[in-house]
């Protein structure tokens, strides 16, 4: 899944949930479950996610929703292989975007 968010320093939880097509409660739940998610909170307590948080959310979404990991399995996988998993995930994401571009060109022919 590729997330379409504009270039910003901080994203609200509503924006993030809409981009991932999930409920805000799932984002809050994942925040409690995964240590890598550490959104900033303002004086009101509103969460502000950084681009780094968005990358981590994409990785968590990929592991849990697309690859079918359990939450415990995803936590263990992130702790043991975070760098390796992140590298593979980046490559997969780039290949998917290239595939989409090539399919678009094919359709135009």
PDB file of N, CA and C in Angstrom:
ATOM      1  N   UNK A   1       0.848  -1.175   0.000  1.00  0.00           N
ATOM      2  CA  UNK A   1       0.000   0.000   0.000  1.00  0.00           C
ATOM      3  C   UNK A   1       0.889   1.231   0.000  1.00  0.00           C
ATOM      4  N   UNK A   2       0.590   2.131  -0.897  1.00  0.00           N
ATOM      5  CA  UNK A   2       1.325   3.391  -0.943  1.00  0.00           C
ATOM      6  C   UNK A   2       0.436   4.484  -0.350  1.00  0.00           C
ATOM      7  N   UNK A   3       0.989   5.231   0.583  1.00  0.00           N
ATOM      8  CA  UNK A   3       0.231   6.270   1.276  1.00  0.00           C
ATOM      9  C   UNK A   3       0.469   7.611   0.595  1.00  0.00           C
ATOM     10  N   UNK A   4      -0.613   8.282   0.248  1.00  0.00           N
ATOM     11  CA  UNK A   4      -0.514   9.608  -0.366  1.00  0.00           C
ATOM     12  C   UNK A   4      -0.758  10.682   0.680  1.00  0.00           C
ATOM     13  N   UNK A   5       0.313  11.276   1.140  1.00  0.00           N
ATOM     14  CA  UNK A   5       0.223  12.385   2.080  1.00  0.00           C
ATOM     15  C   UNK A   5       1.077  13.528   1.541  1.00  0.00           C
ATOM     16  N   UNK A   6       0.624  14.766   1.704  1.00  0.00           N
ATOM     17  CA  UNK A   6       1.437  15.899   1.244  1.00  0.00           C
ATOM     18  C   UNK A   6       2.698  16.027   2.106  1.00  0.00           C
ATOM     19  N   UNK A   7       3.698  16.700   1.565  1.00  0.00           N
ATOM     20  CA  UNK A   7       4.943  16.926   2.307  1.00  0.00           C
ATOM     21  C   UNK A   7       4.681  17.930   3.434  1.00  0.00           C
ATOM     22  N   UNK A   8       4.743  17.446   4.663  1.00  0.00           N
ATOM     23  CA  UNK A   8       4.554  18.306   5.831  1.00  0.00           C
ATOM     24  C   UNK A   8       5.464  17.812   6.942  1.00  0.00           C
ATOM     25  N   UNK A   9       5.647  18.663   7.948  1.00  0.00           N
ATOM     26  CA  UNK A   9       6.431  18.236   9.108  1.00  0.00           C
ATOM     27  C   UNK A   9       5.621  17.346  10.031  1.00  0.00           C
ATOM     28  N   UNK A  10       4.334  17.662  10.184  1.00  0.00           N
ATOM     29  CA  UNK A  10       3.478  16.910  11.099  1.00  0.00           C
ATOM     30  C   UNK A  10       2.134  16.615  10.443  1.00  0.00           C
ATOM     31  N   UNK A  11       1.593  15.451  10.780  1.00  0.00           N
ATOM     32  CA  UNK A  11       0.285  15.026  10.281  1.00  0.00           C
ATOM     33  C   UNK A  11      -0.612  14.712  11.467  1.00  0.00           C
ATOM     34  N   UNK A  12      -1.866  15.097  11.364  1.00  0.00           N
ATOM     35  CA  UNK A  12      -2.836  14.771  12.399  1.00  0.00           C
ATOM     36  C   UNK A  12      -3.254  13.317  12.290  1.00  0.00           C
ATOM     37  N   UNK A  13      -3.822  12.792  13.355  1.00  0.00           N
ATOM     38  CA  UNK A  13      -4.211  11.382  13.367  1.00  0.00           C
ATOM     39  C   UNK A  13      -5.330  11.107  12.360  1.00  0.00           C
ATOM     40  N   UNK A  14      -6.194  12.089  12.128  1.00  0.00           N
ATOM     41  CA  UNK A  14      -7.257  11.920  11.141  1.00  0.00           C
ATOM     42  C   UNK A  14      -6.704  11.777   9.729  1.00  0.00           C
ATOM     43  N   UNK A  15      -5.721  12.595   9.404  1.00  0.00           N
ATOM     44  CA  UNK A  15      -5.069  12.516   8.090  1.00  0.00           C
ATOM     45  C   UNK A  15      -4.400  11.155   7.896  1.00  0.00           C
ATOM     46  N   UNK A  16      -3.730  10.705   8.940  1.00  0.00           N
ATOM     47  CA  UNK A  16      -2.998   9.446   8.872  1.00  0.00           C
ATOM     48  C   UNK A  16      -3.979   8.281   8.705  1.00  0.00           C
ATOM     49  N   UNK A  17      -5.022   8.279   9.506  1.00  0.00           N
ATOM     50  CA  UNK A  17      -6.009   7.201   9.429  1.00  0.00           C
ATOM     51  C   UNK A  17      -6.674   7.165   8.055  1.00  0.00           C
ATOM     52  N   UNK A  18      -6.987   8.328   7.506  1.00  0.00           N
ATOM     53  CA  UNK A  18      -7.609   8.393   6.186  1.00  0.00           C
ATOM     54  C   UNK A  18      -6.659   7.882   5.112  1.00  0.00           C
ATOM     55  N   UNK A  19      -5.383   8.234   5.205  1.00  0.00           N
ATOM     56  CA  UNK A  19      -4.388   7.792   4.230  1.00  0.00           C
ATOM     57  C   UNK A  19      -4.215   6.269   4.250  1.00  0.00           C
ATOM     58  N   UNK A  20      -4.278   5.670   5.439  1.00  0.00           N
ATOM     59  CA  UNK A  20      -4.126   4.226   5.568  1.00  0.00           C
ATOM     60  C   UNK A  20      -5.449   3.479   5.440  1.00  0.00           C
ATOM     61  N   UNK A  21      -6.548   4.233   5.349  1.00  0.00           N
ATOM     62  CA  UNK A  21      -7.894   3.671   5.249  1.00  0.00           C
ATOM     63  C   UNK A  21      -8.209   2.755   6.435  1.00  0.00           C
ATOM     64  N   UNK A  22      -7.894   3.257   7.634  1.00  0.00           N
ATOM     65  CA  UNK A  22      -8.203   2.547   8.877  1.00  0.00           C
ATOM     66  C   UNK A  22      -8.829   3.544   9.850  1.00  0.00           C
ATOM     67  N   UNK A  23      -9.333   3.036  10.956  1.00  0.00           N
ATOM     68  CA  UNK A  23      -9.898   3.904  11.994  1.00  0.00           C
ATOM     69  C   UNK A  23      -8.790   4.545  12.817  1.00  0.00           C
ATOM     70  N   UNK A  24      -9.095   5.716  13.372  1.00  0.00           N
ATOM     71  CA  UNK A  24      -8.112   6.382  14.237  1.00  0.00           C
ATOM     72  C   UNK A  24      -7.800   5.531  15.463  1.00  0.00           C
ATOM     73  N   UNK A  25      -8.779   4.735  15.909  1.00  0.00           N
ATOM     74  CA  UNK A  25      -8.548   3.890  17.082  1.00  0.00           C
ATOM     75  C   UNK A  25      -7.459   2.849  16.812  1.00  0.00           C
ATOM     76  N   UNK A  26      -7.367   2.362  15.574  1.00  0.00           N
ATOM     77  CA  UNK A  26      -6.314   1.404  15.234  1.00  0.00           C
ATOM     78  C   UNK A  26      -4.943   2.071  15.295  1.00  0.00           C
ATOM     79  N   UNK A  27      -4.862   3.314  14.828  1.00  0.00           N
ATOM     80  CA  UNK A  27      -3.589   4.048  14.892  1.00  0.00           C
ATOM     81  C   UNK A  27      -3.183   4.239  16.350  1.00  0.00           C
ATOM     82  N   UNK A  28      -4.132   4.632  17.201  1.00  0.00           N
ATOM     83  CA  UNK A  28      -3.832   4.815  18.628  1.00  0.00           C
ATOM     84  C   UNK A  28      -3.412   3.492  19.257  1.00  0.00           C
ATOM     85  N   UNK A  29      -4.085   2.399  18.879  1.00  0.00           N
ATOM     86  CA  UNK A  29      -3.747   1.078  19.410  1.00  0.00           C
ATOM     87  C   UNK A  29      -2.328   0.687  19.022  1.00  0.00           C
ATOM     88  N   UNK A  30      -1.991   0.864  17.740  1.00  0.00           N
ATOM     89  CA  UNK A  30      -0.644   0.536  17.287  1.00  0.00           C
ATOM     90  C   UNK A  30       0.394   1.398  17.991  1.00  0.00           C
ATOM     91  N   UNK A  31       0.039   2.646  18.275  1.00  0.00           N
ATOM     92  CA  UNK A  31       0.971   3.524  18.995  1.00  0.00           C
ATOM     93  C   UNK A  31       1.310   2.937  20.360  1.00  0.00           C
ATOM     94  N   UNK A  32       0.318   2.376  21.042  1.00  0.00           N
ATOM     95  CA  UNK A  32       0.551   1.775  22.360  1.00  0.00           C
ATOM     96  C   UNK A  32       1.335   0.469  22.247  1.00  0.00           C
ATOM     97  N   UNK A  33       1.087  -0.278  21.190  1.00  0.00           N
ATOM     98  CA  UNK A  33       1.694  -1.600  21.037  1.00  0.00           C
ATOM     99  C   UNK A  33       3.130  -1.566  20.525  1.00  0.00           C
ATOM    100  N   UNK A  34       3.449  -0.616  19.646  1.00  0.00           N
ATOM    101  CA  UNK A  34       4.769  -0.591  19.013  1.00  0.00           C
ATOM    102  C   UNK A  34       5.581   0.590  19.527  1.00  0.00           C
ATOM    103  N   UNK A  35       6.768   0.285  20.047  1.00  0.00           N
ATOM    104  CA  UNK A  35       7.646   1.317  20.614  1.00  0.00           C
ATOM    105  C   UNK A  35       8.199   2.269  19.564  1.00  0.00           C
ATOM    106  N   UNK A  36       8.262   1.837  18.301  1.00  0.00           N
ATOM    107  CA  UNK A  36       8.841   2.690  17.254  1.00  0.00           C
ATOM    108  C   UNK A  36       7.932   3.876  16.919  1.00  0.00           C
ATOM    109  N   UNK A  37       6.660   3.800  17.279  1.00  0.00           N
ATOM    110  CA  UNK A  37       5.735   4.912  17.033  1.00  0.00           C
ATOM    111  C   UNK A  37       5.738   5.833  18.242  1.00  0.00           C
ATOM    112  N   UNK A  38       6.217   7.042  18.038  1.00  0.00           N
ATOM    113  CA  UNK A  38       6.278   8.013  19.122  1.00  0.00           C
ATOM    114  C   UNK A  38       5.832   9.379  18.607  1.00  0.00           C
ATOM    115  N   UNK A  39       4.529   9.531  18.294  1.00  0.00           N
ATOM    116  CA  UNK A  39       4.092  10.841  17.796  1.00  0.00           C
ATOM    117  C   UNK A  39       4.195  11.895  18.889  1.00  0.00           C
ATOM    118  N   UNK A  40       4.434  13.099  18.478  1.00  0.00           N
ATOM    119  CA  UNK A  40       4.476  14.213  19.425  1.00  0.00           C
ATOM    120  C   UNK A  40       3.042  14.551  19.808  1.00  0.00           C
ATOM    121  N   UNK A  41       2.867  15.082  20.997  1.00  0.00           N
ATOM    122  CA  UNK A  41       1.540  15.506  21.430  1.00  0.00           C
ATOM    123  C   UNK A  41       1.612  16.974  21.822  1.00  0.00           C
ATOM    124  N   UNK A  42       0.600  17.732  21.399  1.00  0.00           N
ATOM    125  CA  UNK A  42       0.569  19.144  21.759  1.00  0.00           C
ATOM    126  C   UNK A  42      -0.083  19.305  23.131  1.00  0.00           C
ATOM    127  N   UNK A  43      -0.301  20.537  23.554  1.00  0.00           N
ATOM    128  CA  UNK A  43      -0.844  20.812  24.884  1.00  0.00           C
ATOM    129  C   UNK A  43      -2.226  20.189  25.080  1.00  0.00           C
ATOM    130  N   UNK A  44      -2.997  20.102  24.007  1.00  0.00           N
ATOM    131  CA  UNK A  44      -4.326  19.485  24.088  1.00  0.00           C
ATOM    132  C   UNK A  44      -4.264  17.962  24.114  1.00  0.00           C
ATOM    133  N   UNK A  45      -3.126  17.401  23.760  1.00  0.00           N
ATOM    134  CA  UNK A  45      -2.989  15.949  23.702  1.00  0.00           C
ATOM    135  C   UNK A  45      -3.200  15.381  22.308  1.00  0.00           C
ATOM    136  N   UNK A  46      -3.337  16.255  21.316  1.00  0.00           N
ATOM    137  CA  UNK A  46      -3.500  15.798  19.938  1.00  0.00           C
ATOM    138  C   UNK A  46      -2.182  15.241  19.421  1.00  0.00           C
ATOM    139  N   UNK A  47      -2.271  14.108  18.754  1.00  0.00           N
ATOM    140  CA  UNK A  47      -1.075  13.467  18.212  1.00  0.00           C
ATOM    141  C   UNK A  47      -0.653  14.129  16.911  1.00  0.00           C
ATOM    142  N   UNK A  48       0.645  14.326  16.770  1.00  0.00           N
ATOM    143  CA  UNK A  48       1.219  14.876  15.542  1.00  0.00           C
ATOM    144  C   UNK A  48       2.296  13.902  15.074  1.00  0.00           C
ATOM    145  N   UNK A  49       2.043  13.278  13.938  1.00  0.00           N
ATOM    146  CA  UNK A  49       2.945  12.276  13.406  1.00  0.00           C
ATOM    147  C   UNK A  49       3.961  12.907  12.457  1.00  0.00           C
ATOM    148  N   UNK A  50       5.217  12.514  12.598  1.00  0.00           N
ATOM    149  CA  UNK A  50       6.289  12.994  11.726  1.00  0.00           C
ATOM    150  C   UNK A  50       6.388  12.063  10.514  1.00  0.00           C
ATOM    151  N   UNK A  51       7.105  12.483   9.469  1.00  0.00           N
ATOM    152  CA  UNK A  51       7.316  11.579   8.332  1.00  0.00           C
ATOM    153  C   UNK A  51       7.982  10.250   8.742  1.00  0.00           C
ATOM    154  N   UNK A  52       8.838  10.285   9.751  1.00  0.00           N
ATOM    155  CA  UNK A  52       9.454   9.054  10.254  1.00  0.00           C
ATOM    156  C   UNK A  52       8.399   8.131  10.861  1.00  0.00           C
ATOM    157  N   UNK A  53       7.447   8.708  11.598  1.00  0.00           N
ATOM    158  CA  UNK A  53       6.344   7.921  12.153  1.00  0.00           C
ATOM    159  C   UNK A  53       5.514   7.297  11.034  1.00  0.00           C
ATOM    160  N   UNK A  54       5.323   8.040   9.953  1.00  0.00           N
ATOM    161  CA  UNK A  54       4.538   7.534   8.819  1.00  0.00           C
ATOM    162  C   UNK A  54       5.251   6.337   8.189  1.00  0.00           C
ATOM    163  N   UNK A  55       6.573   6.415   8.046  1.00  0.00           N
ATOM    164  CA  UNK A  55       7.333   5.277   7.507  1.00  0.00           C
ATOM    165  C   UNK A  55       7.184   4.055   8.406  1.00  0.00           C
ATOM    166  N   UNK A  56       7.269   4.263   9.716  1.00  0.00           N
ATOM    167  CA  UNK A  56       7.103   3.154  10.652  1.00  0.00           C
ATOM    168  C   UNK A  56       5.693   2.584  10.583  1.00  0.00           C
ATOM    169  N   UNK A  57       4.691   3.451  10.440  1.00  0.00           N
ATOM    170  CA  UNK A  57       3.318   2.985  10.303  1.00  0.00           C
ATOM    171  C   UNK A  57       3.135   2.173   9.024  1.00  0.00           C
ATOM    172  N   UNK A  58       3.770   2.615   7.936  1.00  0.00           N
ATOM    173  CA  UNK A  58       3.695   1.860   6.689  1.00  0.00           C
ATOM    174  C   UNK A  58       4.289   0.468   6.862  1.00  0.00           C
ATOM    175  N   UNK A  59       5.392   0.385   7.577  1.00  0.00           N
ATOM    176  CA  UNK A  59       6.035  -0.898   7.825  1.00  0.00           C
ATOM    177  C   UNK A  59       5.144  -1.789   8.692  1.00  0.00           C
ATOM    178  N   UNK A  60       4.577  -1.229   9.736  1.00  0.00           N
ATOM    179  CA  UNK A  60       3.680  -1.990  10.607  1.00  0.00           C
ATOM    180  C   UNK A  60       2.459  -2.454   9.817  1.00  0.00           C
ATOM    181  N   UNK A  61       1.880  -1.560   9.023  1.00  0.00           N
ATOM    182  CA  UNK A  61       0.721  -1.907   8.204  1.00  0.00           C
ATOM    183  C   UNK A  61       1.078  -3.058   7.259  1.00  0.00           C
ATOM    184  N   UNK A  62       2.245  -2.964   6.635  1.00  0.00           N
ATOM    185  CA  UNK A  62       2.698  -4.004   5.706  1.00  0.00           C
ATOM    186  C   UNK A  62       2.810  -5.351   6.414  1.00  0.00           C
ATOM    187  N   UNK A  63       3.441  -5.362   7.583  1.00  0.00           N
ATOM    188  CA  UNK A  63       3.638  -6.609   8.307  1.00  0.00           C
ATOM    189  C   UNK A  63       2.316  -7.200   8.796  1.00  0.00           C
ATOM    190  N   UNK A  64       1.466  -6.365   9.379  1.00  0.00           N
ATOM    191  CA  UNK A  64       0.246  -6.866  10.011  1.00  0.00           C
ATOM    192  C   UNK A  64      -0.870  -7.112   8.997  1.00  0.00           C
ATOM    193  N   UNK A  65      -1.134  -6.141   8.155  1.00  0.00           N
ATOM    194  CA  UNK A  65      -2.283  -6.233   7.251  1.00  0.00           C
ATOM    195  C   UNK A  65      -1.978  -6.978   5.953  1.00  0.00           C
ATOM    196  N   UNK A  66      -0.804  -6.764   5.383  1.00  0.00           N
ATOM    197  CA  UNK A  66      -0.496  -7.355   4.084  1.00  0.00           C
ATOM    198  C   UNK A  66       0.175  -8.716   4.197  1.00  0.00           C
ATOM    199  N   UNK A  67       1.079  -8.867   5.154  1.00  0.00           N
ATOM    200  CA  UNK A  67       1.782 -10.145   5.287  1.00  0.00           C
ATOM    201  C   UNK A  67       1.151 -11.059   6.331  1.00  0.00           C
ATOM    202  N   UNK A  68       0.214 -10.545   7.121  1.00  0.00           N
ATOM    203  CA  UNK A  68      -0.529 -11.378   8.055  1.00  0.00           C
ATOM    204  C   UNK A  68       0.178 -11.724   9.348  1.00  0.00           C
ATOM    205  N   UNK A  69       1.151 -10.908   9.761  1.00  0.00           N
ATOM    206  CA  UNK A  69       1.830 -11.144  11.032  1.00  0.00           C
ATOM    207  C   UNK A  69       0.854 -10.878  12.183  1.00  0.00           C
ATOM    208  N   UNK A  70       1.044 -11.596  13.284  1.00  0.00           N
ATOM    209  CA  UNK A  70       0.335 -11.229  14.501  1.00  0.00           C
ATOM    210  C   UNK A  70       1.037 -10.011  15.084  1.00  0.00           C
ATOM    211  N   UNK A  71       0.415  -9.349  16.043  1.00  0.00           N
ATOM    212  CA  UNK A  71       1.050  -8.180  16.654  1.00  0.00           C
ATOM    213  C   UNK A  71       2.358  -8.576  17.336  1.00  0.00           C
ATOM    214  N   UNK A  72       2.343  -9.686  18.049  1.00  0.00           N
ATOM    215  CA  UNK A  72       3.568 -10.143  18.715  1.00  0.00           C
ATOM    216  C   UNK A  72       4.639 -10.489  17.697  1.00  0.00           C
ATOM    217  N   UNK A  73       4.235 -11.156  16.629  1.00  0.00           N
ATOM    218  CA  UNK A  73       5.187 -11.518  15.577  1.00  0.00           C
ATOM    219  C   UNK A  73       5.786 -10.284  14.924  1.00  0.00           C
ATOM    220  N   UNK A  74       4.953  -9.271  14.684  1.00  0.00           N
ATOM    221  CA  UNK A  74       5.436  -8.027  14.079  1.00  0.00           C
ATOM    222  C   UNK A  74       6.400  -7.306  15.023  1.00  0.00           C
ATOM    223  N   UNK A  75       6.095  -7.297  16.313  1.00  0.00           N
ATOM    224  CA  UNK A  75       6.988  -6.657  17.292  1.00  0.00           C
ATOM    225  C   UNK A  75       8.357  -7.336  17.302  1.00  0.00           C
ATOM    226  N   UNK A  76       8.340  -8.661  17.342  1.00  0.00           N
ATOM    227  CA  UNK A  76       9.587  -9.415  17.369  1.00  0.00           C
ATOM    228  C   UNK A  76      10.367  -9.180  16.082  1.00  0.00           C
ATOM    229  N   UNK A  77       9.663  -9.222  14.965  1.00  0.00           N
ATOM    230  CA  UNK A  77      10.307  -9.030  13.672  1.00  0.00           C
ATOM    231  C   UNK A  77      10.955  -7.646  13.587  1.00  0.00           C
ATOM    232  N   UNK A  78      10.259  -6.626  14.077  1.00  0.00           N
ATOM    233  CA  UNK A  78      10.811  -5.271  14.055  1.00  0.00           C
ATOM    234  C   UNK A  78      12.026  -5.135  14.965  1.00  0.00           C
ATOM    235  N   UNK A  79      11.976  -5.755  16.143  1.00  0.00           N
ATOM    236  CA  UNK A  79      13.093  -5.653  17.078  1.00  0.00           C
ATOM    237  C   UNK A  79      14.336  -6.351  16.539  1.00  0.00           C
ATOM    238  N   UNK A  80      14.144  -7.528  15.941  1.00  0.00           N
ATOM    239  CA  UNK A  80      15.287  -8.318  15.502  1.00  0.00           C
ATOM    240  C   UNK A  80      15.838  -7.874  14.151  1.00  0.00           C
ATOM    241  N   UNK A  81      14.958  -7.459  13.249  1.00  0.00           N
ATOM    242  CA  UNK A  81      15.387  -7.221  11.873  1.00  0.00           C
ATOM    243  C   UNK A  81      14.930  -5.872  11.334  1.00  0.00           C
ATOM    244  N   UNK A  82      14.842  -4.853  12.151  1.00  0.00           N
ATOM    245  CA  UNK A  82      14.246  -3.595  11.689  1.00  0.00           C
ATOM    246  C   UNK A  82      14.947  -3.033  10.451  1.00  0.00           C
ATOM    247  N   UNK A  83      16.234  -2.937  10.460  1.00  0.00           N
ATOM    248  CA  UNK A  83      16.960  -2.349   9.326  1.00  0.00           C
ATOM    249  C   UNK A  83      16.786  -3.190   8.065  1.00  0.00           C
ATOM    250  N   UNK A  84      16.941  -4.494   8.222  1.00  0.00           N
ATOM    251  CA  UNK A  84      16.810  -5.400   7.085  1.00  0.00           C
ATOM    252  C   UNK A  84      15.378  -5.362   6.533  1.00  0.00           C
ATOM    253  N   UNK A  85      14.391  -5.393   7.414  1.00  0.00           N
ATOM    254  CA  UNK A  85      12.989  -5.355   7.001  1.00  0.00           C
ATOM    255  C   UNK A  85      12.668  -4.041   6.332  1.00  0.00           C
ATOM    256  N   UNK A  86      13.171  -2.946   6.875  1.00  0.00           N
ATOM    257  CA  UNK A  86      12.918  -1.628   6.297  1.00  0.00           C
ATOM    258  C   UNK A  86      13.517  -1.525   4.900  1.00  0.00           C
ATOM    259  N   UNK A  87      14.718  -2.047   4.713  1.00  0.00           N
ATOM    260  CA  UNK A  87      15.347  -2.033   3.397  1.00  0.00           C
ATOM    261  C   UNK A  87      14.523  -2.824   2.383  1.00  0.00           C
ATOM    262  N   UNK A  88      14.091  -4.026   2.779  1.00  0.00           N
ATOM    263  CA  UNK A  88      13.270  -4.851   1.883  1.00  0.00           C
ATOM    264  C   UNK A  88      11.955  -4.159   1.568  1.00  0.00           C
ATOM    265  N   UNK A  89      11.346  -3.551   2.568  1.00  0.00           N
ATOM    266  CA  UNK A  89      10.073  -2.869   2.378  1.00  0.00           C
ATOM    267  C   UNK A  89      10.222  -1.702   1.406  1.00  0.00           C
ATOM    268  N   UNK A  90      11.307  -0.951   1.532  1.00  0.00           N
ATOM    269  CA  UNK A  90      11.560   0.168   0.613  1.00  0.00           C
ATOM    270  C   UNK A  90      11.712  -0.334  -0.824  1.00  0.00           C
ATOM    271  N   UNK A  91      12.427  -1.439  -0.995  1.00  0.00           N
ATOM    272  CA  UNK A  91      12.613  -2.006  -2.328  1.00  0.00           C
ATOM    273  C   UNK A  91      11.277  -2.467  -2.897  1.00  0.00           C
ATOM    274  N   UNK A  92      10.488  -3.144  -2.092  1.00  0.00           N
ATOM    275  CA  UNK A  92       9.166  -3.606  -2.541  1.00  0.00           C
ATOM    276  C   UNK A  92       8.301  -2.428  -2.947  1.00  0.00           C
ATOM    277  N   UNK A  93       8.317  -1.371  -2.151  1.00  0.00           N
ATOM    278  CA  UNK A  93       7.508  -0.189  -2.455  1.00  0.00           C
ATOM    279  C   UNK A  93       7.941   0.455  -3.770  1.00  0.00           C
ATOM    280  N   UNK A  94       9.236   0.550  -3.991  1.00  0.00           N
ATOM    281  CA  UNK A  94       9.730   1.134  -5.237  1.00  0.00           C
ATOM    282  C   UNK A  94       9.351   0.264  -6.433  1.00  0.00           C
ATOM    283  N   UNK A  95       9.475  -1.045  -6.282  1.00  0.00           N
ATOM    284  CA  UNK A  95       9.109  -1.949  -7.372  1.00  0.00           C
ATOM    285  C   UNK A  95       7.614  -1.878  -7.690  1.00  0.00           C
ATOM    286  N   UNK A  96       6.797  -1.749  -6.659  1.00  0.00           N
ATOM    287  CA  UNK A  96       5.352  -1.610  -6.890  1.00  0.00           C
ATOM    288  C   UNK A  96       5.032  -0.326  -7.647  1.00  0.00           C
ATOM    289  N   UNK A  97       5.730   0.758  -7.338  1.00  0.00           N
ATOM    290  CA  UNK A  97       5.474   2.012  -8.049  1.00  0.00           C
ATOM    291  C   UNK A  97       5.943   1.917  -9.499  1.00  0.00           C
ATOM    292  N   UNK A  98       7.065   1.217  -9.748  1.00  0.00           N
ATOM    293  CA  UNK A  98       7.538   1.009 -11.116  1.00  0.00           C
ATOM    294  C   UNK A  98       6.537   0.148 -11.889  1.00  0.00           C
ATOM    295  N   UNK A  99       6.028  -0.887 -11.239  1.00  0.00           N
ATOM    296  CA  UNK A  99       5.035  -1.757 -11.868  1.00  0.00           C
ATOM    297  C   UNK A  99       3.784  -0.968 -12.243  1.00  0.00           C
ATOM    298  N   UNK A 100       3.318  -0.127 -11.333  1.00  0.00           N
ATOM    299  CA  UNK A 100       2.133   0.683 -11.600  1.00  0.00           C
ATOM    300  C   UNK A 100       2.376   1.623 -12.778  1.00  0.00           C
ATOM    301  N   UNK A 101       3.560   2.215 -12.832  1.00  0.00           N
ATOM    302  CA  UNK A 101       3.882   3.114 -13.948  1.00  0.00           C
ATOM    303  C   UNK A 101       3.926   2.356 -15.273  1.00  0.00           C
ATOM    304  N   UNK A 102       4.519   1.158 -15.252  1.00  0.00           N
ATOM    305  CA  UNK A 102       4.601   0.364 -16.483  1.00  0.00           C
ATOM    306  C   UNK A 102       3.210  -0.095 -16.937  1.00  0.00           C
ATOM    307  N   UNK A 103       2.357  -0.472 -15.983  1.00  0.00           N
ATOM    308  CA  UNK A 103       0.990  -0.859 -16.350  1.00  0.00           C
ATOM    309  C   UNK A 103       0.215   0.318 -16.943  1.00  0.00           C
ATOM    310  N   UNK A 104       0.465   1.495 -16.422  1.00  0.00           N
ATOM    311  CA  UNK A 104      -0.192   2.699 -16.936  1.00  0.00           C
ATOM    312  C   UNK A 104       0.260   2.967 -18.375  1.00  0.00           C
ATOM    313  N   UNK A 105       1.564   2.799 -18.638  1.00  0.00           N
ATOM    314  CA  UNK A 105       2.095   2.969 -19.994  1.00  0.00           C
ATOM    315  C   UNK A 105       1.496   1.917 -20.928  1.00  0.00           C
ATOM    316  N   UNK A 106       1.399   0.695 -20.443  1.00  0.00           N
ATOM    317  CA  UNK A 106       0.826  -0.396 -21.247  1.00  0.00           C
ATOM    318  C   UNK A 106      -0.617  -0.088 -21.627  1.00  0.00           C
ATOM    319  N   UNK A 107      -1.386   0.421 -20.688  1.00  0.00           N
ATOM    320  CA  UNK A 107      -2.782   0.766 -20.957  1.00  0.00           C
ATOM    321  C   UNK A 107      -2.915   1.880 -21.977  1.00  0.00           C
ATOM    322  N   UNK A 108      -1.952   2.780 -22.018  1.00  0.00           N
ATOM    323  CA  UNK A 108      -1.994   3.898 -22.948  1.00  0.00           C
ATOM    324  C   UNK A 108      -1.591   3.516 -24.364  1.00  0.00           C
ATOM    325  N   UNK A 109      -0.966   2.354 -24.518  1.00  0.00           N
ATOM    326  CA  UNK A 109      -0.526   1.923 -25.854  1.00  0.00           C
ATOM    327  C   UNK A 109      -1.657   1.376 -26.687  1.00  0.00           C
TER     328      UNK A 109
END
